[in-house]
N, C-alpha and C. Protein backbone atom coordinates (compact mmCIF):
# COMPACT_ATOMS: atom_id res chain seq x y z
N UNK A 1 114.91 62.86 78.14
CA UNK A 1 115.06 62.41 79.46
C UNK A 1 115.92 62.97 80.39
N UNK A 2 115.59 63.63 81.60
CA UNK A 2 116.63 64.53 82.00
C UNK A 2 116.46 63.87 83.56
N UNK A 3 117.88 63.28 83.75
CA UNK A 3 118.12 63.10 85.10
C UNK A 3 117.64 63.07 86.38
N UNK A 4 117.55 62.69 87.15
CA UNK A 4 116.47 63.92 88.90
C UNK A 4 115.93 64.13 89.06
N UNK A 5 114.84 64.85 87.74
CA UNK A 5 113.74 65.33 87.41
C UNK A 5 112.60 64.88 88.50
N UNK A 6 111.78 65.67 88.61
CA UNK A 6 110.25 65.55 89.71
C UNK A 6 109.65 64.73 88.28
N UNK A 7 109.28 65.24 86.89
CA UNK A 7 108.61 64.87 86.53
C UNK A 7 109.47 63.11 85.89
N UNK A 8 110.49 62.66 85.75
CA UNK A 8 110.98 61.50 84.90
C UNK A 8 110.69 60.07 86.21
N UNK A 9 111.12 61.32 87.93
CA UNK A 9 110.66 60.30 89.20
C UNK A 9 109.12 60.13 88.98
N UNK A 10 108.07 60.63 88.38
CA UNK A 10 106.61 60.37 88.71
C UNK A 10 106.63 59.71 87.34
N UNK A 11 106.94 59.89 85.88
CA UNK A 11 106.37 59.50 85.64
C UNK A 11 107.05 57.92 85.01
N UNK A 12 108.47 57.91 84.74
CA UNK A 12 109.00 57.10 84.32
C UNK A 12 108.19 55.17 84.71
N UNK A 13 108.22 55.07 85.69
CA UNK A 13 107.55 54.31 85.75
C UNK A 13 105.46 53.74 84.86
N UNK A 14 105.03 54.63 84.24
CA UNK A 14 104.30 54.61 84.12
C UNK A 14 104.19 53.45 82.75
N UNK A 15 102.94 53.28 82.24
CA UNK A 15 103.02 52.53 81.02
C UNK A 15 101.86 53.11 80.44
N UNK A 16 101.86 54.27 80.40
CA UNK A 16 101.61 55.32 78.93
C UNK A 16 102.54 56.13 78.55
N UNK A 17 102.49 56.34 77.30
CA UNK A 17 103.17 57.56 76.87
C UNK A 17 102.71 58.92 77.79
N UNK A 18 103.66 60.06 78.28
CA UNK A 18 103.44 61.40 78.66
C UNK A 18 104.90 62.59 78.86
N UNK A 19 104.54 63.04 78.15
CA UNK A 19 105.52 63.65 77.67
C UNK A 19 104.90 65.83 78.15
N UNK A 20 105.90 66.37 78.54
CA UNK A 20 105.87 67.30 79.01
C UNK A 20 106.21 68.76 77.46
N UNK A 21 105.72 69.30 77.51
CA UNK A 21 105.19 70.78 76.35
C UNK A 21 105.96 71.63 76.93
N UNK A 22 106.29 72.55 76.28
CA UNK A 22 106.55 73.44 76.51
C UNK A 22 106.10 75.38 75.55
N UNK A 23 105.78 75.89 75.85
CA UNK A 23 104.84 77.14 75.85
C UNK A 23 105.15 77.21 73.95
N UNK A 24 106.01 76.15 73.52
CA UNK A 24 105.55 76.28 71.90
C UNK A 24 105.59 74.87 71.30
N UNK A 25 105.16 74.15 72.11
CA UNK A 25 104.52 73.06 71.56
C UNK A 25 105.80 71.65 70.96
N UNK A 26 106.95 72.56 71.90
CA UNK A 26 108.45 71.26 71.69
C UNK A 26 108.18 70.51 72.91
N UNK A 27 109.27 68.64 73.05
CA UNK A 27 108.64 67.86 73.79
C UNK A 27 110.35 68.86 74.60
N UNK A 28 109.94 68.67 76.20
CA UNK A 28 110.35 68.96 77.23
C UNK A 28 111.73 67.96 78.13
N UNK A 29 110.58 67.26 78.10
CA UNK A 29 110.59 65.96 79.27
C UNK A 29 109.41 64.88 78.37
N UNK A 30 110.35 63.41 78.85
CA UNK A 30 108.91 63.16 78.78
C UNK A 30 109.14 60.98 78.76
N UNK A 31 108.68 60.43 79.05
CA UNK A 31 109.29 58.76 79.93
C UNK A 31 109.41 57.51 78.54
N UNK A 32 109.59 56.91 79.10
CA UNK A 32 110.45 55.86 78.33
C UNK A 32 108.91 55.59 77.48
N UNK A 33 107.94 55.46 77.34
CA UNK A 33 106.37 54.39 77.06
C UNK A 33 106.48 55.64 76.06
N UNK A 34 106.60 56.90 76.04
CA UNK A 34 106.21 58.31 74.82
C UNK A 34 106.85 58.42 73.65
N UNK A 35 108.81 57.37 74.63
CA UNK A 35 110.12 57.41 73.06
C UNK A 35 109.51 55.89 72.97
N UNK A 36 109.17 55.14 73.35
CA UNK A 36 107.82 54.05 72.61
C UNK A 36 107.56 54.45 71.54
N UNK A 37 106.09 54.42 72.05
CA UNK A 37 105.64 55.27 71.19
C UNK A 37 105.23 56.23 69.99
N UNK A 38 106.36 56.73 70.02
CA UNK A 38 106.13 57.86 68.73
C UNK A 38 108.08 57.34 68.08
N UNK A 39 109.05 56.49 68.12
CA UNK A 39 109.38 55.42 67.97
C UNK A 39 111.20 56.47 67.86
N UNK A 40 111.04 57.40 68.39
CA UNK A 40 112.59 58.39 68.99
C UNK A 40 112.77 57.47 70.14
N UNK A 41 114.60 57.82 70.41
CA UNK A 41 115.42 57.87 71.21
C UNK A 41 114.70 58.63 72.14
N UNK A 42 114.99 60.04 71.80
CA UNK A 42 115.61 61.05 72.61
C UNK A 42 114.72 61.77 71.67
N UNK A 43 112.85 61.74 72.03
CA UNK A 43 112.39 63.95 70.93
C UNK A 43 112.71 64.48 71.63
N UNK A 44 113.45 64.46 72.70
CA UNK A 44 113.32 66.58 73.79
C UNK A 44 114.07 66.77 72.37
N UNK A 45 113.45 68.06 72.34
CA UNK A 45 113.23 69.47 71.88
C UNK A 45 112.50 69.19 70.28
N UNK A 46 111.80 68.28 69.95
CA UNK A 46 111.63 68.02 69.10
C UNK A 46 109.43 68.70 69.21
N UNK A 47 109.19 69.59 68.67
CA UNK A 47 108.20 69.75 67.95
C UNK A 47 107.17 68.44 68.61
N UNK A 48 106.20 68.48 68.75
CA UNK A 48 105.24 67.56 69.05
C UNK A 48 104.02 66.98 67.73
N UNK A 49 104.09 68.34 67.23
CA UNK A 49 103.19 67.76 66.05
C UNK A 49 104.14 66.98 64.67
N UNK A 50 105.14 66.54 65.10
CA UNK A 50 106.09 66.29 64.08
C UNK A 50 105.74 64.89 63.70
N UNK A 51 104.55 64.41 65.07
CA UNK A 51 104.24 63.08 65.36
C UNK A 51 103.04 62.30 65.30
N UNK A 52 102.67 63.70 64.62
CA UNK A 52 100.98 63.67 63.78
C UNK A 52 101.36 63.78 62.26
N UNK A 53 99.51 63.01 62.30
CA UNK A 53 99.44 63.13 60.60
C UNK A 53 98.41 64.82 60.38
N UNK A 54 98.45 64.96 60.01
CA UNK A 54 98.51 66.35 59.08
C UNK A 54 97.10 66.56 60.14
N UNK A 55 96.38 65.86 59.65
CA UNK A 55 94.58 66.14 59.75
C UNK A 55 95.14 66.09 61.16
N UNK A 56 95.73 65.37 62.05
CA UNK A 56 95.70 65.02 63.63
C UNK A 56 96.79 66.28 64.25
N UNK A 57 97.48 67.10 63.14
CA UNK A 57 98.34 67.91 64.11
C UNK A 57 96.87 69.04 63.82
N UNK A 58 96.16 69.76 62.77
CA UNK A 58 95.43 71.02 62.63
C UNK A 58 94.58 70.53 64.00
N UNK A 59 94.07 69.07 64.13
CA UNK A 59 93.32 68.96 65.37
C UNK A 59 93.46 69.06 67.35
N UNK A 60 94.81 68.86 66.74
CA UNK A 60 95.64 69.11 68.42
C UNK A 60 96.14 70.39 68.17
N UNK A 61 96.19 70.67 66.86
CA UNK A 61 96.83 72.47 67.47
C UNK A 61 95.63 73.58 67.82
N UNK A 62 94.10 73.27 67.27
CA UNK A 62 93.33 73.71 68.47
C UNK A 62 92.93 73.42 69.59
N UNK A 63 92.89 71.93 69.29
CA UNK A 63 93.32 72.02 71.41
C UNK A 63 94.12 72.44 72.28
N UNK A 64 94.91 72.47 71.48
CA UNK A 64 96.63 73.26 72.25
C UNK A 64 96.12 74.39 72.42
N UNK A 65 95.85 75.52 71.64
CA UNK A 65 95.92 76.57 71.27
C UNK A 65 94.32 76.86 72.81
N UNK A 66 93.22 75.81 72.57
CA UNK A 66 92.37 76.57 73.95
C UNK A 66 92.26 76.81 74.84
N UNK A 67 93.40 75.44 75.31
CA UNK A 67 94.24 74.68 76.45
C UNK A 67 94.68 76.75 76.91
N UNK A 68 96.58 76.59 76.08
CA UNK A 68 96.72 78.07 75.95
C UNK A 68 95.63 79.33 76.80
N UNK A 69 94.21 79.59 75.95
CA UNK A 69 93.93 80.86 76.14
C UNK A 69 93.37 80.67 77.59
N UNK A 70 92.78 79.60 78.19
CA UNK A 70 92.73 79.86 79.36
C UNK A 70 91.80 78.77 79.79
N UNK A 71 91.06 77.99 78.47
CA UNK A 71 89.55 77.77 79.28
C UNK A 71 90.57 75.60 80.00
N UNK A 72 89.18 75.01 80.20
CA UNK A 72 89.90 73.86 81.49
C UNK A 72 89.75 72.70 80.60
N UNK A 73 90.22 72.14 79.95
CA UNK A 73 90.64 71.15 78.72
C UNK A 73 90.07 69.98 80.00
N UNK A 74 88.97 69.52 79.15
CA UNK A 74 88.89 68.43 80.06
C UNK A 74 88.77 66.93 79.31
N UNK A 75 88.55 67.13 77.71
CA UNK A 75 88.10 66.59 77.07
C UNK A 75 89.57 66.16 76.40
N UNK A 76 89.67 65.28 75.58
CA UNK A 76 90.78 65.14 74.37
C UNK A 76 90.70 64.45 73.84
N UNK A 77 91.82 64.78 72.34
CA UNK A 77 91.46 64.93 71.32
C UNK A 77 92.51 63.47 70.66
N UNK A 78 91.39 62.93 69.34
CA UNK A 78 91.75 61.17 69.50
C UNK A 78 92.90 61.81 67.59
N UNK A 79 94.33 61.55 67.94
CA UNK A 79 94.47 61.92 66.51
C UNK A 79 95.29 60.63 66.37
N UNK A 80 96.29 60.73 65.31
CA UNK A 80 96.59 59.16 64.50
C UNK A 80 98.38 59.62 64.31
N UNK A 81 99.19 58.99 65.20
CA UNK A 81 100.68 58.62 65.04
C UNK A 81 101.34 58.64 63.93
N UNK A 82 102.30 59.62 63.01
CA UNK A 82 103.19 58.79 62.17
C UNK A 82 103.67 58.06 62.22
N UNK A 83 103.96 56.73 62.33
CA UNK A 83 104.44 55.67 62.58
C UNK A 83 104.14 54.36 61.87
N UNK A 84 105.07 53.24 61.86
CA UNK A 84 104.28 52.43 61.28
C UNK A 84 103.57 51.85 61.82
N UNK A 85 102.52 51.90 61.05
CA UNK A 85 100.72 51.00 61.07
C UNK A 85 99.84 52.64 61.94
N UNK A 86 100.16 53.08 61.51
CA UNK A 86 99.35 54.44 61.98
C UNK A 86 98.91 54.56 63.08
N UNK A 87 99.80 54.93 64.02
CA UNK A 87 98.80 54.14 65.57
C UNK A 87 97.66 55.32 66.52
N UNK A 88 97.15 54.84 66.43
CA UNK A 88 96.09 56.09 67.23
C UNK A 88 96.12 56.33 68.20
N UNK A 89 96.14 57.65 68.76
CA UNK A 89 95.89 57.81 70.26
C UNK A 89 94.92 59.12 71.16
N UNK A 90 94.91 58.97 72.02
CA UNK A 90 93.95 60.35 72.56
C UNK A 90 95.21 60.52 73.55
N UNK A 91 94.84 62.46 73.33
CA UNK A 91 96.23 63.04 74.18
C UNK A 91 94.91 64.24 74.94
N UNK A 92 95.45 63.66 76.16
CA UNK A 92 94.95 64.75 77.27
C UNK A 92 96.01 65.83 77.67
N UNK A 93 95.59 67.20 77.89
CA UNK A 93 96.55 67.93 78.00
C UNK A 93 96.08 68.54 78.86
N UNK A 94 96.93 69.71 80.03
CA UNK A 94 96.43 70.31 80.85
C UNK A 94 97.40 71.76 80.92
N UNK A 95 96.71 72.87 80.98
CA UNK A 95 97.59 74.20 80.90
C UNK A 95 98.33 73.80 82.69
N UNK A 96 99.81 74.16 82.43
CA UNK A 96 100.56 73.92 83.77
C UNK A 96 101.50 75.37 84.26
N UNK A 97 101.31 76.27 85.56
CA UNK A 97 102.43 77.13 85.40
C UNK A 97 103.66 76.86 84.97
N UNK A 98 104.03 78.39 85.27
CA UNK A 98 105.79 77.91 85.12
C UNK A 98 105.84 78.49 87.11
């Protein structure tokens, strides 16, 4: 997590995991709840897909691809994390212009 960033200031106290991904789908920033969810102290720079099962990774990639092509992402994609107990999560995403 990057100190003093707007992202951290707004997301750190949220009780849900939040991550900001780059165009390559690597984690650029995240809050403490996201770290706890995926079981990493600092997942920065990690490929988001590494936290998902293979089946979930494929569905998430389709979801993110639709968003990168300008689709309005209002739905979520359900996924399973590769963590102890295989936690199920819902992923919501929105394309943010740089």
